Amino acid sequence: MSKAFVFLNCDMGSEESIVVQMKKIFGVSQASGVSGIYDIVAEVVSDSQKGLAGIVRKLRSIDSIRSCLTMIVAEPQLDNGSRMIPI
């Protein structure tokens, strides 16, 4: 399973409409308007990184989105004793 967080900037006043559209896209597990540098943050999940790329392409095609930053979650590594180690 692959997961990413997508940070979006959009036209002023379009946040609510965009969040509604985003939540209809398969693979978008959460989407919320936020304050700060970005207007919306979304969590997306897929079986593969290729699937994540497809979801992000759909998000970027929504009208009124001006920019998009995607952060793919790094998978935790396990040592031979099944303990998580830093990446």
C-alpha atoms as a PDB file:
ATOM      1  CA  MET A   1       0.000   0.000   0.000  1.00  0.00           C
ATOM      2  CA  SER A   2       1.303   3.429  -0.955  1.00  0.00           C
ATOM      3  CA  LYS A   3       0.236   6.657   0.722  1.00  0.00           C
ATOM      4  CA  ALA A   4       0.873  10.320  -0.018  1.00  0.00           C
ATOM      5  CA  PHE A   5      -0.145  13.707   1.277  1.00  0.00           C
ATOM      6  CA  VAL A   6      -1.046  16.277  -1.357  1.00  0.00           C
ATOM      7  CA  PHE A   7      -0.874  19.997  -0.595  1.00  0.00           C
ATOM      8  CA  LEU A   8      -2.875  22.237  -2.918  1.00  0.00           C
ATOM      9  CA  ASN A   9      -3.238  25.933  -3.633  1.00  0.00           C
ATOM     10  CA  CYS A  10      -6.434  27.063  -5.295  1.00  0.00           C
ATOM     11  CA  ASP A  11      -8.369  30.147  -6.341  1.00  0.00           C
ATOM     12  CA  MET A  12      -9.752  32.119  -3.409  1.00  0.00           C
ATOM     13  CA  GLY A  13     -13.238  30.984  -2.420  1.00  0.00           C
ATOM     14  CA  SER A  14     -13.081  27.666  -4.292  1.00  0.00           C
ATOM     15  CA  GLU A  15     -11.787  25.531  -1.417  1.00  0.00           C
ATOM     16  CA  GLU A  16     -15.094  24.025  -0.326  1.00  0.00           C
ATOM     17  CA  SER A  17     -16.124  23.078  -3.869  1.00  0.00           C
ATOM     18  CA  ILE A  18     -12.729  21.506  -4.562  1.00  0.00           C
ATOM     19  CA  VAL A  19     -12.793  19.456  -1.347  1.00  0.00           C
ATOM     20  CA  VAL A  20     -16.241  18.102  -2.307  1.00  0.00           C
ATOM     21  CA  GLN A  21     -14.917  17.102  -5.751  1.00  0.00           C
ATOM     22  CA  MET A  22     -11.766  15.547  -4.296  1.00  0.00           C
ATOM     23  CA  LYS A  23     -13.700  13.338  -1.874  1.00  0.00           C
ATOM     24  CA  LYS A  24     -15.482  11.754  -4.870  1.00  0.00           C
ATOM     25  CA  ILE A  25     -12.169  10.503  -6.333  1.00  0.00           C
ATOM     26  CA  PHE A  26     -11.381   6.889  -5.477  1.00  0.00           C
ATOM     27  CA  GLY A  27      -8.213   6.785  -3.371  1.00  0.00           C
ATOM     28  CA  VAL A  28      -8.714  10.126  -1.626  1.00  0.00           C
ATOM     29  CA  SER A  29      -9.107   9.038   1.986  1.00  0.00           C
ATOM     30  CA  GLN A  30      -9.293  12.570   3.459  1.00  0.00           C
ATOM     31  CA  ALA A  31      -9.375  16.140   2.178  1.00  0.00           C
ATOM     32  CA  SER A  32      -9.611  19.303   4.266  1.00  0.00           C
ATOM     33  CA  GLY A  33      -9.260  23.028   3.889  1.00  0.00           C
ATOM     34  CA  VAL A  34      -6.377  24.402   5.958  1.00  0.00           C
ATOM     35  CA  SER A  35      -4.863  27.770   6.882  1.00  0.00           C
ATOM     36  CA  GLY A  36      -1.331  28.716   5.954  1.00  0.00           C
ATOM     37  CA  ILE A  37       0.800  28.349   2.852  1.00  0.00           C
ATOM     38  CA  TYR A  38      -1.550  25.741   1.370  1.00  0.00           C
ATOM     39  CA  ASP A  39      -5.327  25.905   1.022  1.00  0.00           C
ATOM     40  CA  ILE A  40      -6.153  22.170   1.021  1.00  0.00           C
ATOM     41  CA  VAL A  41      -4.401  19.029   2.214  1.00  0.00           C
ATOM     42  CA  ALA A  42      -5.443  15.537   1.122  1.00  0.00           C
ATOM     43  CA  GLU A  43      -4.382  12.022   2.044  1.00  0.00           C
ATOM     44  CA  VAL A  44      -4.383   9.590  -0.875  1.00  0.00           C
ATOM     45  CA  VAL A  45      -3.830   5.836  -0.865  1.00  0.00           C
ATOM     46  CA  SER A  46      -3.303   3.283  -3.610  1.00  0.00           C
ATOM     47  CA  ASP A  47      -1.869  -0.181  -4.159  1.00  0.00           C
ATOM     48  CA  SER A  48       1.153   1.301  -5.958  1.00  0.00           C
ATOM     49  CA  GLN A  49       3.049   4.505  -6.590  1.00  0.00           C
ATOM     50  CA  LYS A  50       1.775   4.383 -10.172  1.00  0.00           C
ATOM     51  CA  GLY A  51      -1.746   4.399  -8.734  1.00  0.00           C
ATOM     52  CA  LEU A  52      -0.852   7.406  -6.574  1.00  0.00           C
ATOM     53  CA  ALA A  53       0.352   9.235  -9.675  1.00  0.00           C
ATOM     54  CA  GLY A  54      -3.003   8.611 -11.359  1.00  0.00           C
ATOM     55  CA  ILE A  55      -4.911   9.985  -8.382  1.00  0.00           C
ATOM     56  CA  VAL A  56      -2.712  13.077  -8.265  1.00  0.00           C
ATOM     57  CA  ARG A  57      -3.292  13.645 -11.997  1.00  0.00           C
ATOM     58  CA  LYS A  58      -7.052  13.589 -11.340  1.00  0.00           C
ATOM     59  CA  LEU A  59      -6.653  16.078  -8.497  1.00  0.00           C
ATOM     60  CA  ARG A  60      -4.575  18.413 -10.645  1.00  0.00           C
ATOM     61  CA  SER A  61      -7.241  18.399 -13.358  1.00  0.00           C
ATOM     62  CA  ILE A  62      -9.849  19.961 -11.042  1.00  0.00           C
ATOM     63  CA  ASP A  63     -10.672  23.532 -12.077  1.00  0.00           C
ATOM     64  CA  SER A  64      -9.378  26.318  -9.818  1.00  0.00           C
ATOM     65  CA  ILE A  65      -6.370  24.342  -8.535  1.00  0.00           C
ATOM     66  CA  ARG A  66      -3.277  26.472  -9.078  1.00  0.00           C
ATOM     67  CA  SER A  67      -0.460  24.306  -7.679  1.00  0.00           C
ATOM     68  CA  CYS A  68       0.134  20.927  -6.122  1.00  0.00           C
ATOM     69  CA  LEU A  69       2.882  19.464  -3.921  1.00  0.00           C
ATOM     70  CA  THR A  70       2.904  15.705  -3.336  1.00  0.00           C
ATOM     71  CA  MET A  71       4.761  14.043  -0.453  1.00  0.00           C
ATOM     72  CA  ILE A  72       4.947  10.253  -0.718  1.00  0.00           C
ATOM     73  CA  VAL A  73       5.084   8.504   2.647  1.00  0.00           C
ATOM     74  CA  ALA A  74       8.265   6.444   3.066  1.00  0.00           C
ATOM     75  CA  GLU A  75       7.652   2.830   4.024  1.00  0.00           C
ATOM     76  CA  PRO A  76       9.103   1.900   7.430  1.00  0.00           C
ATOM     77  CA  GLN A  77      12.057  -0.483   7.329  1.00  0.00           C
ATOM     78  CA  LEU A  78      12.244  -3.472   9.666  1.00  0.00           C
ATOM     79  CA  ASP A  79      15.446  -5.038  10.958  1.00  0.00           C
ATOM     80  CA  ASN A  80      15.677  -8.841  11.319  1.00  0.00           C
ATOM     81  CA  GLY A  81      14.210  -8.548  14.827  1.00  0.00           C
ATOM     82  CA  SER A  82      11.026  -6.973  13.401  1.00  0.00           C
ATOM     83  CA  ARG A  83      11.780  -3.568  14.927  1.00  0.00           C
ATOM     84  CA  MET A  84      11.304  -0.401  12.955  1.00  0.00           C
ATOM     85  CA  ILE A  85      14.510   1.424  12.121  1.00  0.00           C
ATOM     86  CA  PRO A  86      14.855   5.032  10.940  1.00  0.00           C
ATOM     87  CA  ILE A  87      14.889   5.623   7.212  1.00  0.00           C
END
